[in-house]
């Protein structure tokens, strides 16, 4: 692996970790805490773009989020 590939991998991982933090923070803000059920929804939300996951995190109820994303597992 050359330096450019290593940089690109590190950058992609940093972006993914940043998005995970955003999703978890949005859910904590909305619902007060991150429990096991909400934690399982995070991976599904990360498959979406920020433009898609942000309104879902802010607009759907906890029950709607769980129903929508637990059915995909």
PDB file of N, CA and C in Angstrom:
ATOM      1  N   UNK A   1       0.854  -1.171   0.000  1.00  0.00           N
ATOM      2  CA  UNK A   1       0.000   0.000   0.000  1.00  0.00           C
ATOM      3  C   UNK A   1       0.902   1.236   0.000  1.00  0.00           C
ATOM      4  N   UNK A   2       0.617   2.148  -0.892  1.00  0.00           N
ATOM      5  CA  UNK A   2       1.429   3.362  -0.915  1.00  0.00           C
ATOM      6  C   UNK A   2       0.833   4.426   0.004  1.00  0.00           C
ATOM      7  N   UNK A   3       1.551   5.521   0.145  1.00  0.00           N
ATOM      8  CA  UNK A   3       1.153   6.572   1.072  1.00  0.00           C
ATOM      9  C   UNK A   3      -0.203   7.184   0.712  1.00  0.00           C
ATOM     10  N   UNK A   4      -0.476   7.349  -0.566  1.00  0.00           N
ATOM     11  CA  UNK A   4      -1.750   7.921  -1.001  1.00  0.00           C
ATOM     12  C   UNK A   4      -2.911   7.021  -0.606  1.00  0.00           C
ATOM     13  N   UNK A   5      -2.766   5.725  -0.811  1.00  0.00           N
ATOM     14  CA  UNK A   5      -3.827   4.785  -0.433  1.00  0.00           C
ATOM     15  C   UNK A   5      -4.047   4.794   1.078  1.00  0.00           C
ATOM     16  N   UNK A   6      -2.962   4.829   1.837  1.00  0.00           N
ATOM     17  CA  UNK A   6      -3.065   4.856   3.296  1.00  0.00           C
ATOM     18  C   UNK A   6      -3.779   6.127   3.751  1.00  0.00           C
ATOM     19  N   UNK A   7      -3.443   7.252   3.118  1.00  0.00           N
ATOM     20  CA  UNK A   7      -4.096   8.517   3.445  1.00  0.00           C
ATOM     21  C   UNK A   7      -5.585   8.446   3.137  1.00  0.00           C
ATOM     22  N   UNK A   8      -5.930   7.924   1.965  1.00  0.00           N
ATOM     23  CA  UNK A   8      -7.334   7.844   1.574  1.00  0.00           C
ATOM     24  C   UNK A   8      -8.119   6.939   2.511  1.00  0.00           C
ATOM     25  N   UNK A   9      -7.525   5.827   2.920  1.00  0.00           N
ATOM     26  CA  UNK A   9      -8.190   4.938   3.866  1.00  0.00           C
ATOM     27  C   UNK A   9      -8.398   5.610   5.209  1.00  0.00           C
ATOM     28  N   UNK A  10      -7.361   6.292   5.693  1.00  0.00           N
ATOM     29  CA  UNK A  10      -7.453   6.983   6.984  1.00  0.00           C
ATOM     30  C   UNK A  10      -8.502   8.086   6.922  1.00  0.00           C
ATOM     31  N   UNK A  11      -8.543   8.795   5.827  1.00  0.00           N
ATOM     32  CA  UNK A  11      -9.526   9.870   5.662  1.00  0.00           C
ATOM     33  C   UNK A  11     -10.945   9.302   5.619  1.00  0.00           C
ATOM     34  N   UNK A  12     -11.156   8.232   4.881  1.00  0.00           N
ATOM     35  CA  UNK A  12     -12.477   7.610   4.790  1.00  0.00           C
ATOM     36  C   UNK A  12     -12.936   7.117   6.166  1.00  0.00           C
ATOM     37  N   UNK A  13     -12.017   6.539   6.907  1.00  0.00           N
ATOM     38  CA  UNK A  13     -12.354   6.058   8.244  1.00  0.00           C
ATOM     39  C   UNK A  13     -12.708   7.227   9.165  1.00  0.00           C
ATOM     40  N   UNK A  14     -11.979   8.325   9.065  1.00  0.00           N
ATOM     41  CA  UNK A  14     -12.260   9.501   9.890  1.00  0.00           C
ATOM     42  C   UNK A  14     -13.633  10.080   9.560  1.00  0.00           C
ATOM     43  N   UNK A  15     -13.973  10.113   8.278  1.00  0.00           N
ATOM     44  CA  UNK A  15     -15.287  10.610   7.867  1.00  0.00           C
ATOM     45  C   UNK A  15     -16.382   9.707   8.419  1.00  0.00           C
ATOM     46  N   UNK A  16     -16.187   8.409   8.318  1.00  0.00           N
ATOM     47  CA  UNK A  16     -17.182   7.456   8.819  1.00  0.00           C
ATOM     48  C   UNK A  16     -17.350   7.589  10.334  1.00  0.00           C
ATOM     49  N   UNK A  17     -16.258   7.722  11.055  1.00  0.00           N
ATOM     50  CA  UNK A  17     -16.331   7.896  12.511  1.00  0.00           C
ATOM     51  C   UNK A  17     -17.024   9.203  12.860  1.00  0.00           C
ATOM     52  N   UNK A  18     -16.765  10.243  12.081  1.00  0.00           N
ATOM     53  CA  UNK A  18     -17.421  11.532  12.298  1.00  0.00           C
ATOM     54  C   UNK A  18     -18.915  11.441  12.085  1.00  0.00           C
ATOM     55  N   UNK A  19     -19.310  10.727  11.048  1.00  0.00           N
ATOM     56  CA  UNK A  19     -20.743  10.555  10.793  1.00  0.00           C
ATOM     57  C   UNK A  19     -21.401   9.748  11.896  1.00  0.00           C
ATOM     58  N   UNK A  20     -20.712   8.736  12.408  1.00  0.00           N
ATOM     59  CA  UNK A  20     -21.248   7.945  13.526  1.00  0.00           C
ATOM     60  C   UNK A  20     -21.492   8.864  14.727  1.00  0.00           C
ATOM     61  N   UNK A  21     -20.538   9.745  15.009  1.00  0.00           N
ATOM     62  CA  UNK A  21     -20.684  10.670  16.128  1.00  0.00           C
ATOM     63  C   UNK A  21     -21.891  11.585  15.926  1.00  0.00           C
ATOM     64  N   UNK A  22     -22.072  12.056  14.702  1.00  0.00           N
ATOM     65  CA  UNK A  22     -23.212  12.931  14.399  1.00  0.00           C
ATOM     66  C   UNK A  22     -24.522  12.195  14.647  1.00  0.00           C
ATOM     67  N   UNK A  23     -24.645  10.983  14.125  1.00  0.00           N
ATOM     68  CA  UNK A  23     -25.880  10.208  14.296  1.00  0.00           C
ATOM     69  C   UNK A  23     -26.137   9.947  15.778  1.00  0.00           C
ATOM     70  N   UNK A  24     -25.117   9.501  16.501  1.00  0.00           N
ATOM     71  CA  UNK A  24     -25.300   9.218  17.920  1.00  0.00           C
ATOM     72  C   UNK A  24     -25.667  10.480  18.693  1.00  0.00           C
ATOM     73  N   UNK A  25     -25.049  11.602  18.358  1.00  0.00           N
ATOM     74  CA  UNK A  25     -25.383  12.865  19.031  1.00  0.00           C
ATOM     75  C   UNK A  25     -26.805  13.316  18.724  1.00  0.00           C
ATOM     76  N   UNK A  26     -27.224  13.161  17.489  1.00  0.00           N
ATOM     77  CA  UNK A  26     -28.604  13.514  17.137  1.00  0.00           C
ATOM     78  C   UNK A  26     -29.606  12.668  17.934  1.00  0.00           C
ATOM     79  N   UNK A  27     -29.329  11.373  18.026  1.00  0.00           N
ATOM     80  CA  UNK A  27     -30.235  10.491  18.771  1.00  0.00           C
ATOM     81  C   UNK A  27     -30.220  10.807  20.266  1.00  0.00           C
ATOM     82  N   UNK A  28     -29.049  11.100  20.816  1.00  0.00           N
ATOM     83  CA  UNK A  28     -28.968  11.492  22.233  1.00  0.00           C
ATOM     84  C   UNK A  28     -29.732  12.782  22.486  1.00  0.00           C
ATOM     85  N   UNK A  29     -29.552  13.753  21.589  1.00  0.00           N
ATOM     86  CA  UNK A  29     -30.252  15.031  21.715  1.00  0.00           C
ATOM     87  C   UNK A  29     -31.759  14.822  21.685  1.00  0.00           C
ATOM     88  N   UNK A  30     -32.195  14.008  20.755  1.00  0.00           N
ATOM     89  CA  UNK A  30     -33.635  13.802  20.553  1.00  0.00           C
ATOM     90  C   UNK A  30     -34.268  12.972  21.660  1.00  0.00           C
ATOM     91  N   UNK A  31     -33.578  11.906  22.098  1.00  0.00           N
ATOM     92  CA  UNK A  31     -34.198  10.953  23.015  1.00  0.00           C
ATOM     93  C   UNK A  31     -33.569  10.928  24.407  1.00  0.00           C
ATOM     94  N   UNK A  32     -32.551  11.743  24.645  1.00  0.00           N
ATOM     95  CA  UNK A  32     -31.977  11.865  25.969  1.00  0.00           C
ATOM     96  C   UNK A  32     -30.840  10.913  26.272  1.00  0.00           C
ATOM     97  N   UNK A  33     -30.781   9.783  25.609  1.00  0.00           N
ATOM     98  CA  UNK A  33     -29.693   8.832  25.833  1.00  0.00           C
ATOM     99  C   UNK A  33     -29.659   7.836  24.677  1.00  0.00           C
ATOM    100  N   UNK A  34     -28.567   7.084  24.625  1.00  0.00           N
ATOM    101  CA  UNK A  34     -28.424   6.028  23.620  1.00  0.00           C
ATOM    102  C   UNK A  34     -28.499   4.691  24.345  1.00  0.00           C
ATOM    103  N   UNK A  35     -29.596   3.991  24.172  1.00  0.00           N
ATOM    104  CA  UNK A  35     -29.702   2.664  24.772  1.00  0.00           C
ATOM    105  C   UNK A  35     -29.379   1.612  23.715  1.00  0.00           C
ATOM    106  N   UNK A  36     -29.487   0.361  24.086  1.00  0.00           N
ATOM    107  CA  UNK A  36     -29.123  -0.730  23.183  1.00  0.00           C
ATOM    108  C   UNK A  36     -29.973  -0.741  21.918  1.00  0.00           C
ATOM    109  N   UNK A  37     -31.271  -0.485  22.048  1.00  0.00           N
ATOM    110  CA  UNK A  37     -32.149  -0.490  20.867  1.00  0.00           C
ATOM    111  C   UNK A  37     -31.745   0.598  19.873  1.00  0.00           C
ATOM    112  N   UNK A  38     -31.520   1.810  20.370  1.00  0.00           N
ATOM    113  CA  UNK A  38     -31.118   2.892  19.465  1.00  0.00           C
ATOM    114  C   UNK A  38     -29.737   2.643  18.879  1.00  0.00           C
ATOM    115  N   UNK A  39     -28.852   2.043  19.651  1.00  0.00           N
ATOM    116  CA  UNK A  39     -27.512   1.727  19.140  1.00  0.00           C
ATOM    117  C   UNK A  39     -27.577   0.801  17.934  1.00  0.00           C
ATOM    118  N   UNK A  40     -28.537  -0.107  17.920  1.00  0.00           N
ATOM    119  CA  UNK A  40     -28.669  -1.033  16.782  1.00  0.00           C
ATOM    120  C   UNK A  40     -29.142  -0.319  15.518  1.00  0.00           C
ATOM    121  N   UNK A  41     -29.806   0.809  15.659  1.00  0.00           N
ATOM    122  CA  UNK A  41     -30.317   1.572  14.516  1.00  0.00           C
ATOM    123  C   UNK A  41     -29.204   2.377  13.839  1.00  0.00           C
ATOM    124  N   UNK A  42     -28.138   2.685  14.578  1.00  0.00           N
ATOM    125  CA  UNK A  42     -27.075   3.555  14.065  1.00  0.00           C
ATOM    126  C   UNK A  42     -26.470   3.012  12.773  1.00  0.00           C
ATOM    127  N   UNK A  43     -26.144   1.726  12.724  1.00  0.00           N
ATOM    128  CA  UNK A  43     -25.524   1.154  11.516  1.00  0.00           C
ATOM    129  C   UNK A  43     -26.416   1.340  10.289  1.00  0.00           C
ATOM    130  N   UNK A  44     -27.709   1.144  10.466  1.00  0.00           N
ATOM    131  CA  UNK A  44     -28.636   1.337   9.338  1.00  0.00           C
ATOM    132  C   UNK A  44     -28.679   2.790   8.904  1.00  0.00           C
ATOM    133  N   UNK A  45     -28.689   3.699   9.867  1.00  0.00           N
ATOM    134  CA  UNK A  45     -28.701   5.121   9.528  1.00  0.00           C
ATOM    135  C   UNK A  45     -27.431   5.532   8.799  1.00  0.00           C
ATOM    136  N   UNK A  46     -26.312   4.906   9.133  1.00  0.00           N
ATOM    137  CA  UNK A  46     -25.039   5.254   8.497  1.00  0.00           C
ATOM    138  C   UNK A  46     -24.970   4.807   7.042  1.00  0.00           C
ATOM    139  N   UNK A  47     -25.894   3.965   6.624  1.00  0.00           N
ATOM    140  CA  UNK A  47     -25.948   3.565   5.217  1.00  0.00           C
ATOM    141  C   UNK A  47     -26.550   4.675   4.360  1.00  0.00           C
ATOM    142  N   UNK A  48     -27.147   5.665   5.011  1.00  0.00           N
ATOM    143  CA  UNK A  48     -27.777   6.792   4.325  1.00  0.00           C
ATOM    144  C   UNK A  48     -26.815   7.970   4.273  1.00  0.00           C
ATOM    145  N   UNK A  49     -27.110   8.926   3.418  1.00  0.00           N
ATOM    146  CA  UNK A  49     -26.319  10.156   3.369  1.00  0.00           C
ATOM    147  C   UNK A  49     -26.728  11.041   4.550  1.00  0.00           C
ATOM    148  N   UNK A  50     -25.878  11.993   4.924  1.00  0.00           N
ATOM    149  CA  UNK A  50     -26.269  12.915   6.001  1.00  0.00           C
ATOM    150  C   UNK A  50     -27.576  13.654   5.699  1.00  0.00           C
ATOM    151  N   UNK A  51     -27.806  13.957   4.445  1.00  0.00           N
ATOM    152  CA  UNK A  51     -29.040  14.638   4.055  1.00  0.00           C
ATOM    153  C   UNK A  51     -30.266  13.749   4.291  1.00  0.00           C
ATOM    154  N   UNK A  52     -30.057  12.441   4.244  1.00  0.00           N
ATOM    155  CA  UNK A  52     -31.157  11.502   4.482  1.00  0.00           C
ATOM    156  C   UNK A  52     -31.320  11.175   5.959  1.00  0.00           C
ATOM    157  N   UNK A  53     -30.198  10.939   6.683  1.00  0.00           N
ATOM    158  CA  UNK A  53     -30.348  10.504   8.071  1.00  0.00           C
ATOM    159  C   UNK A  53     -30.696  11.627   9.040  1.00  0.00           C
ATOM    160  N   UNK A  54     -30.291  12.862   8.742  1.00  0.00           N
ATOM    161  CA  UNK A  54     -30.554  13.956   9.685  1.00  0.00           C
ATOM    162  C   UNK A  54     -32.042  14.180   9.921  1.00  0.00           C
ATOM    163  N   UNK A  55     -32.858  14.346   8.868  1.00  0.00           N
ATOM    164  CA  UNK A  55     -34.280  14.555   9.137  1.00  0.00           C
ATOM    165  C   UNK A  55     -34.942  13.344   9.807  1.00  0.00           C
ATOM    166  N   UNK A  56     -34.476  12.141   9.479  1.00  0.00           N
ATOM    167  CA  UNK A  56     -35.054  10.956  10.120  1.00  0.00           C
ATOM    168  C   UNK A  56     -34.789  10.978  11.619  1.00  0.00           C
ATOM    169  N   UNK A  57     -33.581  11.332  11.996  1.00  0.00           N
ATOM    170  CA  UNK A  57     -33.222  11.390  13.418  1.00  0.00           C
ATOM    171  C   UNK A  57     -34.014  12.458  14.157  1.00  0.00           C
ATOM    172  N   UNK A  58     -34.310  13.552  13.477  1.00  0.00           N
ATOM    173  CA  UNK A  58     -34.971  14.675  14.138  1.00  0.00           C
ATOM    174  C   UNK A  58     -36.494  14.624  14.057  1.00  0.00           C
ATOM    175  N   UNK A  59     -37.033  13.914  13.080  1.00  0.00           N
ATOM    176  CA  UNK A  59     -38.479  13.958  12.870  1.00  0.00           C
ATOM    177  C   UNK A  59     -39.215  12.693  13.279  1.00  0.00           C
ATOM    178  N   UNK A  60     -38.594  11.523  13.109  1.00  0.00           N
ATOM    179  CA  UNK A  60     -39.295  10.294  13.450  1.00  0.00           C
ATOM    180  C   UNK A  60     -39.285  10.072  14.954  1.00  0.00           C
ATOM    181  N   UNK A  61     -40.349   9.481  15.447  1.00  0.00           N
ATOM    182  CA  UNK A  61     -40.383   9.113  16.859  1.00  0.00           C
ATOM    183  C   UNK A  61     -39.450   7.927  17.075  1.00  0.00           C
ATOM    184  N   UNK A  62     -39.150   7.679  18.331  1.00  0.00           N
ATOM    185  CA  UNK A  62     -38.314   6.528  18.672  1.00  0.00           C
ATOM    186  C   UNK A  62     -38.920   5.242  18.105  1.00  0.00           C
ATOM    187  N   UNK A  63     -40.215   5.086  18.282  1.00  0.00           N
ATOM    188  CA  UNK A  63     -40.901   3.878  17.810  1.00  0.00           C
ATOM    189  C   UNK A  63     -40.830   3.759  16.291  1.00  0.00           C
ATOM    190  N   UNK A  64     -40.977   4.890  15.591  1.00  0.00           N
ATOM    191  CA  UNK A  64     -40.896   4.870  14.130  1.00  0.00           C
ATOM    192  C   UNK A  64     -39.492   4.496  13.654  1.00  0.00           C
ATOM    193  N   UNK A  65     -38.473   5.056  14.307  1.00  0.00           N
ATOM    194  CA  UNK A  65     -37.088   4.708  13.944  1.00  0.00           C
ATOM    195  C   UNK A  65     -36.830   3.220  14.147  1.00  0.00           C
ATOM    196  N   UNK A  66     -37.230   2.715  15.317  1.00  0.00           N
ATOM    197  CA  UNK A  66     -36.997   1.305  15.616  1.00  0.00           C
ATOM    198  C   UNK A  66     -37.745   0.409  14.640  1.00  0.00           C
ATOM    199  N   UNK A  67     -38.985   0.740  14.351  1.00  0.00           N
ATOM    200  CA  UNK A  67     -39.780  -0.077  13.427  1.00  0.00           C
ATOM    201  C   UNK A  67     -39.184  -0.041  12.019  1.00  0.00           C
ATOM    202  N   UNK A  68     -38.776   1.128  11.588  1.00  0.00           N
ATOM    203  CA  UNK A  68     -38.253   1.267  10.222  1.00  0.00           C
ATOM    204  C   UNK A  68     -36.926   0.532  10.034  1.00  0.00           C
ATOM    205  N   UNK A  69     -36.026   0.642  11.000  1.00  0.00           N
ATOM    206  CA  UNK A  69     -34.684   0.104  10.804  1.00  0.00           C
ATOM    207  C   UNK A  69     -34.482  -1.278  11.412  1.00  0.00           C
ATOM    208  N   UNK A  70     -35.262  -1.689  12.363  1.00  0.00           N
ATOM    209  CA  UNK A  70     -35.135  -3.044  12.873  1.00  0.00           C
ATOM    210  C   UNK A  70     -35.704  -4.066  11.902  1.00  0.00           C
ATOM    211  N   UNK A  71     -36.613  -3.630  11.036  1.00  0.00           N
ATOM    212  CA  UNK A  71     -37.171  -4.553  10.052  1.00  0.00           C
ATOM    213  C   UNK A  71     -36.168  -4.865   8.944  1.00  0.00           C
ATOM    214  N   UNK A  72     -35.098  -4.061   8.813  1.00  0.00           N
ATOM    215  CA  UNK A  72     -34.078  -4.283   7.772  1.00  0.00           C
ATOM    216  C   UNK A  72     -33.006  -5.259   8.219  1.00  0.00           C
ATOM    217  N   UNK A  73     -33.015  -5.670   9.479  1.00  0.00           N
ATOM    218  CA  UNK A  73     -31.971  -6.569   9.980  1.00  0.00           C
ATOM    219  C   UNK A  73     -32.322  -7.997   9.737  1.00  0.00           C
TER     220      UNK A  73
END
